PDB file of N, CA and C in Angstrom:
ATOM      1  N   MET A   1      14.760  -3.753  -2.357  1.00  0.00           N
ATOM      2  CA  MET A   1      13.497  -3.447  -0.979  1.00  0.00           C
ATOM      3  C   MET A   1      14.360  -4.278   0.633  1.00  0.00           C
ATOM      4  N   LYS A   2      13.801  -3.529   1.413  1.00  0.00           N
ATOM      5  CA  LYS A   2      14.845  -3.649   2.907  1.00  0.00           C
ATOM      6  C   LYS A   2      13.795  -5.000   3.313  1.00  0.00           C
ATOM      7  N   ALA A   3      14.348  -5.935   4.425  1.00  0.00           N
ATOM      8  CA  ALA A   3      13.396  -6.819   5.263  1.00  0.00           C
ATOM      9  C   ALA A   3      13.173  -6.138   6.925  1.00  0.00           C
ATOM     10  N   TYR A   4      12.337  -6.280   6.966  1.00  0.00           N
ATOM     11  CA  TYR A   4      11.696  -6.011   8.030  1.00  0.00           C
ATOM     12  C   TYR A   4      11.473  -7.356   9.203  1.00  0.00           C
ATOM     13  N   ASN A   5      11.488  -7.085  10.400  1.00  0.00           N
ATOM     14  CA  ASN A   5      10.295  -7.974  10.918  1.00  0.00           C
ATOM     15  C   ASN A   5       9.282  -7.895  11.596  1.00  0.00           C
ATOM     16  N   ASN A   6       8.959  -6.696  11.752  1.00  0.00           N
ATOM     17  CA  ASN A   6       7.485  -6.574  11.673  1.00  0.00           C
ATOM     18  C   ASN A   6       6.596  -5.176  11.395  1.00  0.00           C
ATOM     19  N   LEU A   7       5.253  -5.298  11.050  1.00  0.00           N
ATOM     20  CA  LEU A   7       4.684  -3.795  10.362  1.00  0.00           C
ATOM     21  C   LEU A   7       5.420  -2.544  11.003  1.00  0.00           C
ATOM     22  N   VAL A   8       5.208  -2.459  12.395  1.00  0.00           N
ATOM     23  CA  VAL A   8       5.991  -1.487  12.982  1.00  0.00           C
ATOM     24  C   VAL A   8       7.070  -0.256  12.421  1.00  0.00           C
ATOM     25  N   GLU A   9       7.831  -1.282  12.430  1.00  0.00           N
ATOM     26  CA  GLU A   9       9.600  -1.856  11.734  1.00  0.00           C
ATOM     27  C   GLU A   9       9.584  -1.608  10.485  1.00  0.00           C
ATOM     28  N   ALA A  10       8.538  -1.732   9.529  1.00  0.00           N
ATOM     29  CA  ALA A  10       8.665  -1.241   8.215  1.00  0.00           C
ATOM     30  C   ALA A  10       7.651   0.122   7.868  1.00  0.00           C
ATOM     31  N   THR A  11       6.578   0.580   9.008  1.00  0.00           N
ATOM     32  CA  THR A  11       6.358   2.248   8.620  1.00  0.00           C
ATOM     33  C   THR A  11       7.332   3.010   9.176  1.00  0.00           C
ATOM     34  N   ASN A  12       7.514   2.827  10.571  1.00  0.00           N
ATOM     35  CA  ASN A  12       8.140   3.964  11.085  1.00  0.00           C
ATOM     36  C   ASN A  12       9.747   3.559  10.019  1.00  0.00           C
ATOM     37  N   ASP A  13      10.276   3.405   9.323  1.00  0.00           N
ATOM     38  CA  ASP A  13      11.811   3.378   8.634  1.00  0.00           C
ATOM     39  C   ASP A  13      10.502   4.527   7.260  1.00  0.00           C
ATOM     40  N   LEU A  14       9.966   3.378   6.503  1.00  0.00           N
ATOM     41  CA  LEU A  14       9.601   3.993   5.019  1.00  0.00           C
ATOM     42  C   LEU A  14       8.945   5.806   5.785  1.00  0.00           C
ATOM     43  N   MET A  15       8.719   6.155   6.997  1.00  0.00           N
ATOM     44  CA  MET A  15       8.232   7.458   7.513  1.00  0.00           C
ATOM     45  C   MET A  15       9.699   7.908   7.542  1.00  0.00           C
ATOM     46  N   LYS A  16      10.662   7.819   8.045  1.00  0.00           N
ATOM     47  CA  LYS A  16      11.721   8.344   7.882  1.00  0.00           C
ATOM     48  C   LYS A  16      12.430   8.232   6.762  1.00  0.00           C
ATOM     49  N   ARG A  17      11.868   7.727   5.700  1.00  0.00           N
ATOM     50  CA  ARG A  17      12.490   8.070   4.632  1.00  0.00           C
ATOM     51  C   ARG A  17      11.841   9.018   3.242  1.00  0.00           C
ATOM     52  N   GLY A  18      10.539   9.269   4.401  1.00  0.00           N
ATOM     53  CA  GLY A  18       9.988  10.275   3.246  1.00  0.00           C
ATOM     54  C   GLY A  18       8.186  10.211   3.095  1.00  0.00           C
ATOM     55  N   TYR A  19       8.342   8.480   3.500  1.00  0.00           N
ATOM     56  CA  TYR A  19       6.537   8.018   2.918  1.00  0.00           C
ATOM     57  C   TYR A  19       6.286   9.028   4.463  1.00  0.00           C
ATOM     58  N   THR A  20       5.395  10.037   4.699  1.00  0.00           N
ATOM     59  CA  THR A  20       4.793  10.984   5.928  1.00  0.00           C
ATOM     60  C   THR A  20       3.268  10.922   5.840  1.00  0.00           C
ATOM     61  N   GLU A  21       2.469  10.293   4.765  1.00  0.00           N
ATOM     62  CA  GLU A  21       0.892  10.174   4.877  1.00  0.00           C
ATOM     63  C   GLU A  21       0.522   9.272   5.105  1.00  0.00           C
ATOM     64  N   ASN A  22      -0.034   9.845   6.439  1.00  0.00           N
ATOM     65  CA  ASN A  22      -1.187   7.976   6.461  1.00  0.00           C
ATOM     66  C   ASN A  22      -2.088   7.929   5.278  1.00  0.00           C
ATOM     67  N   LEU A  23      -2.437   6.702   4.723  1.00  0.00           N
ATOM     68  CA  LEU A  23      -3.096   7.074   3.393  1.00  0.00           C
ATOM     69  C   LEU A  23      -3.829   5.782   4.400  1.00  0.00           C
ATOM     70  N   SER A  24      -5.455   5.746   4.038  1.00  0.00           N
ATOM     71  CA  SER A  24      -6.420   4.423   3.879  1.00  0.00           C
ATOM     72  C   SER A  24      -6.869   4.256   2.284  1.00  0.00           C
ATOM     73  N   LEU A  25      -7.309   2.772   2.568  1.00  0.00           N
ATOM     74  CA  LEU A  25      -8.288   2.704   1.357  1.00  0.00           C
ATOM     75  C   LEU A  25      -9.357   2.884   1.848  1.00  0.00           C
ATOM     76  N   GLU A  26     -10.251   3.232   1.076  1.00  0.00           N
ATOM     77  CA  GLU A  26     -11.799   3.304   1.065  1.00  0.00           C
ATOM     78  C   GLU A  26     -12.236   3.218  -0.049  1.00  0.00           C
ATOM     79  N   GLY A  27     -12.665   2.227  -0.283  1.00  0.00           N
ATOM     80  CA  GLY A  27     -13.413   1.580  -1.229  1.00  0.00           C
ATOM     81  C   GLY A  27     -13.121   1.411  -2.786  1.00  0.00           C
ATOM     82  N   ASP A  28     -12.808   2.385  -3.626  1.00  0.00           N
ATOM     83  CA  ASP A  28     -12.568   2.914  -4.731  1.00  0.00           C
ATOM     84  C   ASP A  28     -11.505   3.701  -5.021  1.00  0.00           C
ATOM     85  N   THR A  29     -10.725   4.348  -3.494  1.00  0.00           N
ATOM     86  CA  THR A  29     -10.003   5.270  -3.261  1.00  0.00           C
ATOM     87  C   THR A  29      -8.955   5.342  -2.602  1.00  0.00           C
ATOM     88  N   VAL A  30      -7.840   5.839  -2.493  1.00  0.00           N
ATOM     89  CA  VAL A  30      -6.968   6.055  -1.883  1.00  0.00           C
ATOM     90  C   VAL A  30      -6.789   7.088  -1.282  1.00  0.00           C
ATOM     91  N   ASP A  31      -7.256   7.853   0.610  1.00  0.00           N
ATOM     92  CA  ASP A  31      -7.304   8.400   0.873  1.00  0.00           C
ATOM     93  C   ASP A  31      -6.242   8.987   2.082  1.00  0.00           C
ATOM     94  N   ASP A  32      -5.815  10.375   1.511  1.00  0.00           N
ATOM     95  CA  ASP A  32      -5.537  10.673   2.763  1.00  0.00           C
ATOM     96  C   ASP A  32      -6.140  12.109   3.545  1.00  0.00           C
ATOM     97  N   LYS A  33      -6.709  11.583   3.917  1.00  0.00           N
ATOM     98  CA  LYS A  33      -7.727  12.414   5.393  1.00  0.00           C
ATOM     99  C   LYS A  33      -7.601  13.810   5.800  1.00  0.00           C
ATOM    100  N   ASP A  34      -5.701  13.564   6.538  1.00  0.00           N
ATOM    101  CA  ASP A  34      -5.506  15.061   6.907  1.00  0.00           C
ATOM    102  C   ASP A  34      -5.828  15.842   6.084  1.00  0.00           C
ATOM    103  N   LYS A  35      -5.766  15.224   4.583  1.00  0.00           N
ATOM    104  CA  LYS A  35      -5.287  16.652   3.638  1.00  0.00           C
ATOM    105  C   LYS A  35      -6.606  16.494   2.079  1.00  0.00           C
ATOM    106  N   ASN A  36      -7.653  16.012   3.220  1.00  0.00           N
ATOM    107  CA  ASN A  36      -8.838  15.806   2.180  1.00  0.00           C
ATOM    108  C   ASN A  36      -8.936  15.370   0.424  1.00  0.00           C
ATOM    109  N   ILE A  37      -7.846  14.574   0.176  1.00  0.00           N
ATOM    110  CA  ILE A  37      -7.998  14.300  -0.730  1.00  0.00           C
ATOM    111  C   ILE A  37      -8.049  12.658  -0.722  1.00  0.00           C
ATOM    112  N   GLN A  38      -8.609  12.480  -2.048  1.00  0.00           N
ATOM    113  CA  GLN A  38      -9.149  10.739  -2.778  1.00  0.00           C
ATOM    114  C   GLN A  38      -8.737  10.285  -3.766  1.00  0.00           C
ATOM    115  N   MET A  39      -7.988   9.927  -3.905  1.00  0.00           N
ATOM    116  CA  MET A  39      -6.760   9.535  -5.288  1.00  0.00           C
ATOM    117  C   MET A  39      -7.489   7.403  -6.109  1.00  0.00           C
ATOM    118  N   THR A  40      -7.014   8.247  -7.065  1.00  0.00           N
ATOM    119  CA  THR A  40      -7.606   6.861  -7.812  1.00  0.00           C
ATOM    120  C   THR A  40      -6.607   6.437  -8.246  1.00  0.00           C
ATOM    121  N   ALA A  41      -6.407   4.736  -8.793  1.00  0.00           N
ATOM    122  CA  ALA A  41      -5.547   3.804  -8.646  1.00  0.00           C
ATOM    123  C   ALA A  41      -4.688   4.851 -10.412  1.00  0.00           C
ATOM    124  N   GLU A  42      -5.609   5.906 -11.429  1.00  0.00           N
ATOM    125  CA  GLU A  42      -4.013   6.274 -11.856  1.00  0.00           C
ATOM    126  C   GLU A  42      -3.515   7.475 -10.909  1.00  0.00           C
ATOM    127  N   ASP A  43      -3.924   7.920  -9.938  1.00  0.00           N
ATOM    128  CA  ASP A  43      -2.640   8.887  -9.139  1.00  0.00           C
ATOM    129  C   ASP A  43      -2.095   8.696  -8.236  1.00  0.00           C
ATOM    130  N   ILE A  44      -1.334   6.746  -8.017  1.00  0.00           N
ATOM    131  CA  ILE A  44      -0.981   6.121  -7.025  1.00  0.00           C
ATOM    132  C   ILE A  44       0.386   5.512  -8.015  1.00  0.00           C
ATOM    133  N   GLU A  45       1.371   5.380  -7.207  1.00  0.00           N
ATOM    134  CA  GLU A  45       2.195   4.178  -7.569  1.00  0.00           C
ATOM    135  C   GLU A  45       2.866   3.730  -7.027  1.00  0.00           C
ATOM    136  N   ILE A  46       2.719   2.291  -6.264  1.00  0.00           N
ATOM    137  CA  ILE A  46       3.483   1.627  -5.394  1.00  0.00           C
ATOM    138  C   ILE A  46       4.737   1.370  -5.423  1.00  0.00           C
ATOM    139  N   ASP A  47       5.253   2.255  -5.080  1.00  0.00           N
ATOM    140  CA  ASP A  47       7.553   1.730  -4.832  1.00  0.00           C
ATOM    141  C   ASP A  47       8.201   0.453  -4.034  1.00  0.00           C
ATOM    142  N   GLU A  48       6.295  -0.047  -3.104  1.00  0.00           N
ATOM    143  CA  GLU A  48       7.360  -1.069  -1.924  1.00  0.00           C
ATOM    144  C   GLU A  48       6.048  -1.423  -1.779  1.00  0.00           C
ATOM    145  N   PHE A  49       6.430  -3.043  -1.386  1.00  0.00           N
ATOM    146  CA  PHE A  49       6.031  -3.443  -0.632  1.00  0.00           C
ATOM    147  C   PHE A  49       6.555  -4.837   0.225  1.00  0.00           C
ATOM    148  N   TYR A  50       5.283  -4.261   1.650  1.00  0.00           N
ATOM    149  CA  TYR A  50       6.126  -5.068   2.796  1.00  0.00           C
ATOM    150  C   TYR A  50       4.738  -6.462   3.609  1.00  0.00           C
ATOM    151  N   ARG A  51       4.877  -7.583   3.360  1.00  0.00           N
ATOM    152  CA  ARG A  51       3.618  -8.416   4.003  1.00  0.00           C
ATOM    153  C   ARG A  51       4.286  -8.801   5.089  1.00  0.00           C
ATOM    154  N   PHE A  52       3.630  -9.050   5.979  1.00  0.00           N
ATOM    155  CA  PHE A  52       2.993  -9.391   7.686  1.00  0.00           C
ATOM    156  C   PHE A  52       2.586 -10.202   7.842  1.00  0.00           C
ATOM    157  N   GLU A  53       2.394 -11.596   8.310  1.00  0.00           N
ATOM    158  CA  GLU A  53       2.011 -12.213   9.220  1.00  0.00           C
ATOM    159  C   GLU A  53       1.977 -12.815  10.969  1.00  0.00           C
ATOM    160  N   GLY A  54       1.045 -12.650  11.180  1.00  0.00           N
ATOM    161  CA  GLY A  54       1.080 -12.626  12.782  1.00  0.00           C
ATOM    162  C   GLY A  54       1.574 -13.388  12.868  1.00  0.00           C
ATOM    163  N   ALA A  55       2.534 -13.732  14.189  1.00  0.00           N
ATOM    164  CA  ALA A  55       2.961 -14.705  14.781  1.00  0.00           C
ATOM    165  C   ALA A  55       2.399 -16.126  15.945  1.00  0.00           C
ATOM    166  N   SER A  56       1.265 -15.508  16.614  1.00  0.00           N
ATOM    167  CA  SER A  56       0.882 -15.866  17.260  1.00  0.00           C
ATOM    168  C   SER A  56      -0.957 -16.725  16.645  1.00  0.00           C
ATOM    169  N   ASN A  57      -0.827 -15.571  15.513  1.00  0.00           N
ATOM    170  CA  ASN A  57      -2.821 -15.542  15.193  1.00  0.00           C
ATOM    171  C   ASN A  57      -2.405 -15.512  13.368  1.00  0.00           C
ATOM    172  N   PRO A  58      -3.207 -16.362  12.791  1.00  0.00           N
ATOM    173  CA  PRO A  58      -2.619 -16.160  11.422  1.00  0.00           C
ATOM    174  C   PRO A  58      -3.432 -15.820  10.702  1.00  0.00           C
ATOM    175  N   ASP A  59      -4.419 -15.230  11.019  1.00  0.00           N
ATOM    176  CA  ASP A  59      -5.426 -14.377  10.947  1.00  0.00           C
ATOM    177  C   ASP A  59      -4.997 -12.562  10.887  1.00  0.00           C
ATOM    178  N   ASP A  60      -4.260 -12.213  11.767  1.00  0.00           N
ATOM    179  CA  ASP A  60      -3.388 -11.071  11.650  1.00  0.00           C
ATOM    180  C   ASP A  60      -1.805 -10.800  10.815  1.00  0.00           C
ATOM    181  N   MET A  61      -2.784 -11.137   9.860  1.00  0.00           N
ATOM    182  CA  MET A  61      -1.909 -10.311   8.571  1.00  0.00           C
ATOM    183  C   MET A  61      -2.396  -9.182   7.612  1.00  0.00           C
ATOM    184  N   SER A  62      -1.634  -8.775   7.276  1.00  0.00           N
ATOM    185  CA  SER A  62      -1.867  -6.848   6.501  1.00  0.00           C
ATOM    186  C   SER A  62      -0.236  -7.139   5.986  1.00  0.00           C
ATOM    187  N   ILE A  63      -0.069  -5.751   5.262  1.00  0.00           N
ATOM    188  CA  ILE A  63       0.747  -5.502   3.926  1.00  0.00           C
ATOM    189  C   ILE A  63       0.837  -4.088   4.212  1.00  0.00           C
ATOM    190  N   VAL A  64       2.084  -3.183   4.200  1.00  0.00           N
ATOM    191  CA  VAL A  64       2.463  -2.103   4.078  1.00  0.00           C
ATOM    192  C   VAL A  64       3.155  -1.860   2.991  1.00  0.00           C
ATOM    193  N   TYR A  65       1.935  -0.405   2.270  1.00  0.00           N
ATOM    194  CA  TYR A  65       2.326  -0.399   0.689  1.00  0.00           C
ATOM    195  C   TYR A  65       3.020   1.255   1.239  1.00  0.00           C
ATOM    196  N   ALA A  66       4.258   1.399   0.339  1.00  0.00           N
ATOM    197  CA  ALA A  66       4.928   2.747   0.765  1.00  0.00           C
ATOM    198  C   ALA A  66       4.154   3.308  -1.211  1.00  0.00           C
ATOM    199  N   VAL A  67       3.704   4.293  -0.812  1.00  0.00           N
ATOM    200  CA  VAL A  67       2.874   5.014  -2.020  1.00  0.00           C
ATOM    201  C   VAL A  67       3.158   6.480  -2.368  1.00  0.00           C
ATOM    202  N   THR A  68       3.447   6.685  -3.888  1.00  0.00           N
ATOM    203  CA  THR A  68       4.124   8.120  -3.938  1.00  0.00           C
ATOM    204  C   THR A  68       2.653   8.215  -5.266  1.00  0.00           C
ATOM    205  N   SER A  69       2.480   9.503  -5.213  1.00  0.00           N
ATOM    206  CA  SER A  69       1.920  10.425  -5.902  1.00  0.00           C
ATOM    207  C   SER A  69       1.813  11.600  -6.756  1.00  0.00           C
ATOM    208  N   LYS A  70       2.298  11.256  -7.413  1.00  0.00           N
ATOM    209  CA  LYS A  70       2.920  13.245  -8.394  1.00  0.00           C
ATOM    210  C   LYS A  70       1.649  13.723  -8.314  1.00  0.00           C
ATOM    211  N   LYS A  71       0.849  13.445  -8.637  1.00  0.00           N
ATOM    212  CA  LYS A  71      -0.423  14.251  -8.549  1.00  0.00           C
ATOM    213  C   LYS A  71      -0.815  15.288  -7.956  1.00  0.00           C
ATOM    214  N   TYR A  72      -0.502  15.014  -6.987  1.00  0.00           N
ATOM    215  CA  TYR A  72      -0.826  15.195  -5.583  1.00  0.00           C
ATOM    216  C   TYR A  72       0.378  15.050  -4.575  1.00  0.00           C
ATOM    217  N   ASN A  73       1.609  15.577  -5.092  1.00  0.00           N
ATOM    218  CA  ASN A  73       2.786  15.318  -4.505  1.00  0.00           C
ATOM    219  C   ASN A  73       2.942  15.063  -3.027  1.00  0.00           C
ATOM    220  N   LEU A  74       3.062  13.564  -3.317  1.00  0.00           N
ATOM    221  CA  LEU A  74       2.607  13.618  -1.798  1.00  0.00           C
ATOM    222  C   LEU A  74       3.682  11.657  -1.468  1.00  0.00           C
ATOM    223  N   LYS A  75       3.768  11.256  -0.627  1.00  0.00           N
ATOM    224  CA  LYS A  75       3.985  10.421  -0.667  1.00  0.00           C
ATOM    225  C   LYS A  75       3.643   9.686   0.950  1.00  0.00           C
ATOM    226  N   GLY A  76       3.002   8.544   1.228  1.00  0.00           N
ATOM    227  CA  GLY A  76       2.525   7.908   2.129  1.00  0.00           C
ATOM    228  C   GLY A  76       2.969   6.846   1.963  1.00  0.00           C
ATOM    229  N   VAL A  77       2.478   5.756   3.438  1.00  0.00           N
ATOM    230  CA  VAL A  77       2.080   4.534   4.114  1.00  0.00           C
ATOM    231  C   VAL A  77       0.489   4.665   3.861  1.00  0.00           C
ATOM    232  N   LEU A  78       0.615   3.056   3.314  1.00  0.00           N
ATOM    233  CA  LEU A  78      -1.069   2.191   3.576  1.00  0.00           C
ATOM    234  C   LEU A  78      -0.475   0.866   3.514  1.00  0.00           C
ATOM    235  N   VAL A  79      -1.423   0.674   4.917  1.00  0.00           N
ATOM    236  CA  VAL A  79      -1.683  -0.213   5.316  1.00  0.00           C
ATOM    237  C   VAL A  79      -3.014  -1.233   5.446  1.00  0.00           C
ATOM    238  N   ASN A  80      -3.152  -2.584   4.474  1.00  0.00           N
ATOM    239  CA  ASN A  80      -4.274  -3.329   4.069  1.00  0.00           C
ATOM    240  C   ASN A  80      -4.066  -4.387   4.209  1.00  0.00           C
ATOM    241  N   ALA A  81      -5.169  -5.353   5.354  1.00  0.00           N
ATOM    242  CA  ALA A  81      -5.051  -6.960   5.683  1.00  0.00           C
ATOM    243  C   ALA A  81      -5.111  -7.861   4.014  1.00  0.00           C
ATOM    244  N   PHE A  82      -3.965  -8.661   4.433  1.00  0.00           N
ATOM    245  CA  PHE A  82      -4.618  -9.476   3.186  1.00  0.00           C
ATOM    246  C   PHE A  82      -5.228 -11.142   4.081  1.00  0.00           C
ATOM    247  N   GLY A  83      -5.569 -12.297   3.371  1.00  0.00           N
ATOM    248  CA  GLY A  83      -6.079 -13.220   3.604  1.00  0.00           C
ATOM    249  C   GLY A  83      -7.570 -13.425   4.371  1.00  0.00           C
ATOM    250  N   THR A  84      -8.339 -13.588   5.930  1.00  0.00           N
ATOM    251  CA  THR A  84      -9.399 -13.584   5.998  1.00  0.00           C
ATOM    252  C   THR A  84     -10.081 -11.667   6.277  1.00  0.00           C
ATOM    253  N   TYR A  85      -9.292 -10.831   6.338  1.00  0.00           N
ATOM    254  CA  TYR A  85      -9.775  -9.913   6.628  1.00  0.00           C
ATOM    255  C   TYR A  85      -9.503  -8.928   5.365  1.00  0.00           C
ATOM    256  N   ALA A  86      -9.254  -9.331   4.054  1.00  0.00           N
ATOM    257  CA  ALA A  86      -8.492  -8.122   2.749  1.00  0.00           C
ATOM    258  C   ALA A  86      -9.892  -8.379   2.721  1.00  0.00           C
ATOM    259  N   ASN A  87      -9.977  -6.934   1.615  1.00  0.00           N
ATOM    260  CA  ASN A  87     -10.975  -6.225   1.635  1.00  0.00           C
ATOM    261  C   ASN A  87     -10.787  -6.794   0.023  1.00  0.00           C
ATOM    262  N   ASN A  88     -12.148  -7.155  -0.015  1.00  0.00           N
ATOM    263  CA  ASN A  88     -12.214  -8.119  -0.824  1.00  0.00           C
ATOM    264  C   ASN A  88     -13.045  -7.138  -2.388  1.00  0.00           C
ATOM    265  N   SER A  89     -12.975  -5.612  -2.522  1.00  0.00           N
ATOM    266  CA  SER A  89     -13.137  -5.132  -3.332  1.00  0.00           C
ATOM    267  C   SER A  89     -12.675  -5.574  -4.538  1.00  0.00           C
ATOM    268  N   SER A  90     -13.879  -4.831  -6.073  1.00  0.00           N
ATOM    269  CA  SER A  90     -12.771  -5.489  -7.441  1.00  0.00           C
ATOM    270  C   SER A  90     -13.096  -4.301  -8.134  1.00  0.00           C
ATOM    271  N   SER A  91     -12.603  -3.359  -7.021  1.00  0.00           N
ATOM    272  CA  SER A  91     -12.112  -1.160  -7.593  1.00  0.00           C
ATOM    273  C   SER A  91     -11.007  -1.670  -8.420  1.00  0.00           C
ATOM    274  N   ALA A  92     -10.153  -0.819  -9.120  1.00  0.00           N
ATOM    275  CA  ALA A  92      -9.201  -1.196  -9.709  1.00  0.00           C
ATOM    276  C   ALA A  92      -8.256  -0.995  -8.982  1.00  0.00           C
ATOM    277  N   ILE A  93      -8.201   0.172  -7.624  1.00  0.00           N
ATOM    278  CA  ILE A  93      -7.050   0.351  -6.660  1.00  0.00           C
ATOM    279  C   ILE A  93      -6.971  -0.929  -6.280  1.00  0.00           C
ATOM    280  N   GLN A  94      -7.858  -1.422  -5.791  1.00  0.00           N
ATOM    281  CA  GLN A  94      -7.403  -3.005  -5.835  1.00  0.00           C
ATOM    282  C   GLN A  94      -7.326  -3.602  -6.086  1.00  0.00           C
ATOM    283  N   ALA A  95      -6.933  -3.742  -7.651  1.00  0.00           N
ATOM    284  CA  ALA A  95      -6.434  -4.935  -8.545  1.00  0.00           C
ATOM    285  C   ALA A  95      -5.112  -4.406  -8.453  1.00  0.00           C
ATOM    286  N   LYS A  96      -4.961  -2.713  -8.542  1.00  0.00           N
ATOM    287  CA  LYS A  96      -3.264  -2.193  -8.226  1.00  0.00           C
ATOM    288  C   LYS A  96      -2.502  -3.238  -6.915  1.00  0.00           C
ATOM    289  N   LEU A  97      -2.991  -2.831  -5.872  1.00  0.00           N
ATOM    290  CA  LEU A  97      -2.638  -3.702  -5.281  1.00  0.00           C
ATOM    291  C   LEU A  97      -2.540  -4.898  -4.973  1.00  0.00           C
ATOM    292  N   ASN A  98      -3.288  -5.702  -5.828  1.00  0.00           N
ATOM    293  CA  ASN A  98      -3.193  -7.427  -5.347  1.00  0.00           C
ATOM    294  C   ASN A  98      -2.159  -7.373  -6.499  1.00  0.00           C
ATOM    295  N   HIS A  99      -2.249  -6.360  -7.896  1.00  0.00           N
ATOM    296  CA  HIS A  99      -1.001  -7.220  -9.219  1.00  0.00           C
ATOM    297  C   HIS A  99       0.090  -6.488  -7.897  1.00  0.00           C
ATOM    298  N   ASP A 100       0.419  -5.644  -7.897  1.00  0.00           N
ATOM    299  CA  ASP A 100       1.579  -5.762  -7.133  1.00  0.00           C
ATOM    300  C   ASP A 100       2.371  -6.587  -6.100  1.00  0.00           C
ATOM    301  N   GLN A 101       1.504  -7.061  -5.663  1.00  0.00           N
ATOM    302  CA  GLN A 101       1.150  -8.165  -4.412  1.00  0.00           C
ATOM    303  C   GLN A 101       2.404  -9.816  -5.107  1.00  0.00           C
ATOM    304  N   VAL A 102       1.376  -9.911  -6.024  1.00  0.00           N
ATOM    305  CA  VAL A 102       2.472 -11.337  -6.998  1.00  0.00           C
ATOM    306  C   VAL A 102       3.632 -10.444  -7.971  1.00  0.00           C
ATOM    307  N   SER A 103       3.333 -10.135  -7.807  1.00  0.00           N
ATOM    308  CA  SER A 103       4.679  -9.185  -8.797  1.00  0.00           C
ATOM    309  C   SER A 103       5.731  -9.979  -8.702  1.00  0.00           C
ATOM    310  N   ASP A 104       6.925 -10.337 -10.022  1.00  0.00           N
ATOM    311  CA  ASP A 104       8.391 -10.953  -9.345  1.00  0.00           C
ATOM    312  C   ASP A 104       8.934  -9.120  -9.212  1.00  0.00           C
ATOM    313  N   ASN A 105       8.618  -8.387  -9.343  1.00  0.00           N
ATOM    314  CA  ASN A 105       9.114  -7.280  -9.701  1.00  0.00           C
ATOM    315  C   ASN A 105       8.265  -5.808  -9.298  1.00  0.00           C
ATOM    316  N   LEU A 106       8.923  -4.784  -9.497  1.00  0.00           N
ATOM    317  CA  LEU A 106       8.392  -3.918  -9.430  1.00  0.00           C
ATOM    318  C   LEU A 106       8.773  -2.532 -10.849  1.00  0.00           C
ATOM    319  N   HIS A 107       8.298  -3.134 -11.567  1.00  0.00           N
ATOM    320  CA  HIS A 107       9.177  -1.835 -13.116  1.00  0.00           C
ATOM    321  C   HIS A 107       8.440  -1.453 -13.092  1.00  0.00           C
ATOM    322  N   ARG A 108       7.891  -0.315 -13.782  1.00  0.00           N
ATOM    323  CA  ARG A 108       6.902   0.337 -14.141  1.00  0.00           C
ATOM    324  C   ARG A 108       6.117  -0.414 -14.912  1.00  0.00           C
ATOM    325  N   GLU A 109       7.085  -0.802 -16.430  1.00  0.00           N
ATOM    326  CA  GLU A 109       6.530  -2.014 -17.325  1.00  0.00           C
ATOM    327  C   GLU A 109       5.355  -2.895 -16.972  1.00  0.00           C
ATOM    328  N   ASP A 110       5.499  -3.204 -15.613  1.00  0.00           N
ATOM    329  CA  ASP A 110       4.827  -4.774 -15.085  1.00  0.00           C
ATOM    330  C   ASP A 110       3.860  -4.228 -15.016  1.00  0.00           C
ATOM    331  N   LYS A 111       3.772  -2.411 -14.274  1.00  0.00           N
ATOM    332  CA  LYS A 111       2.189  -2.205 -13.138  1.00  0.00           C
ATOM    333  C   LYS A 111       1.328  -2.266 -14.095  1.00  0.00           C
ATOM    334  N   PRO A 112       0.123  -2.971 -14.376  1.00  0.00           N
ATOM    335  CA  PRO A 112      -0.923  -2.107 -15.371  1.00  0.00           C
ATOM    336  C   PRO A 112      -1.417  -1.000 -15.133  1.00  0.00           C
ATOM    337  N   SER A 113      -1.583  -0.708 -16.441  1.00  0.00           N
ATOM    338  CA  SER A 113      -2.340   1.230 -16.696  1.00  0.00           C
ATOM    339  C   SER A 113      -3.520   0.683 -16.440  1.00  0.00           C
ATOM    340  N   VAL A 114      -4.393   1.524 -16.168  1.00  0.00           N
ATOM    341  CA  VAL A 114      -5.689   1.943 -15.543  1.00  0.00           C
ATOM    342  C   VAL A 114      -6.618   3.100 -16.134  1.00  0.00           C
TER     343      VAL A 114
END
């Protein structure tokens, strides 16, 4: 994985590399609102993720995910908070995102099957 200095640098590079859809975490789904698509944990793979902490504000913490969905033939960027503003959902989506955050590697066999 690459190293980025900030969230903007990461998202811009991911977009250049084909992760063009703007995704959002909506409860139990990851949504592409432009295409009116709601994806479950089974529909996505986390290809990469990058964690950032605000230099001046420790509450300003986020993770950017490079997400692929073979089912919907799309690649996109999902930005989610962690720490104080983290989504505390107990959904399968959140479990998948959290597992990838602590995983030592991103081998497919290391990912949870949902």
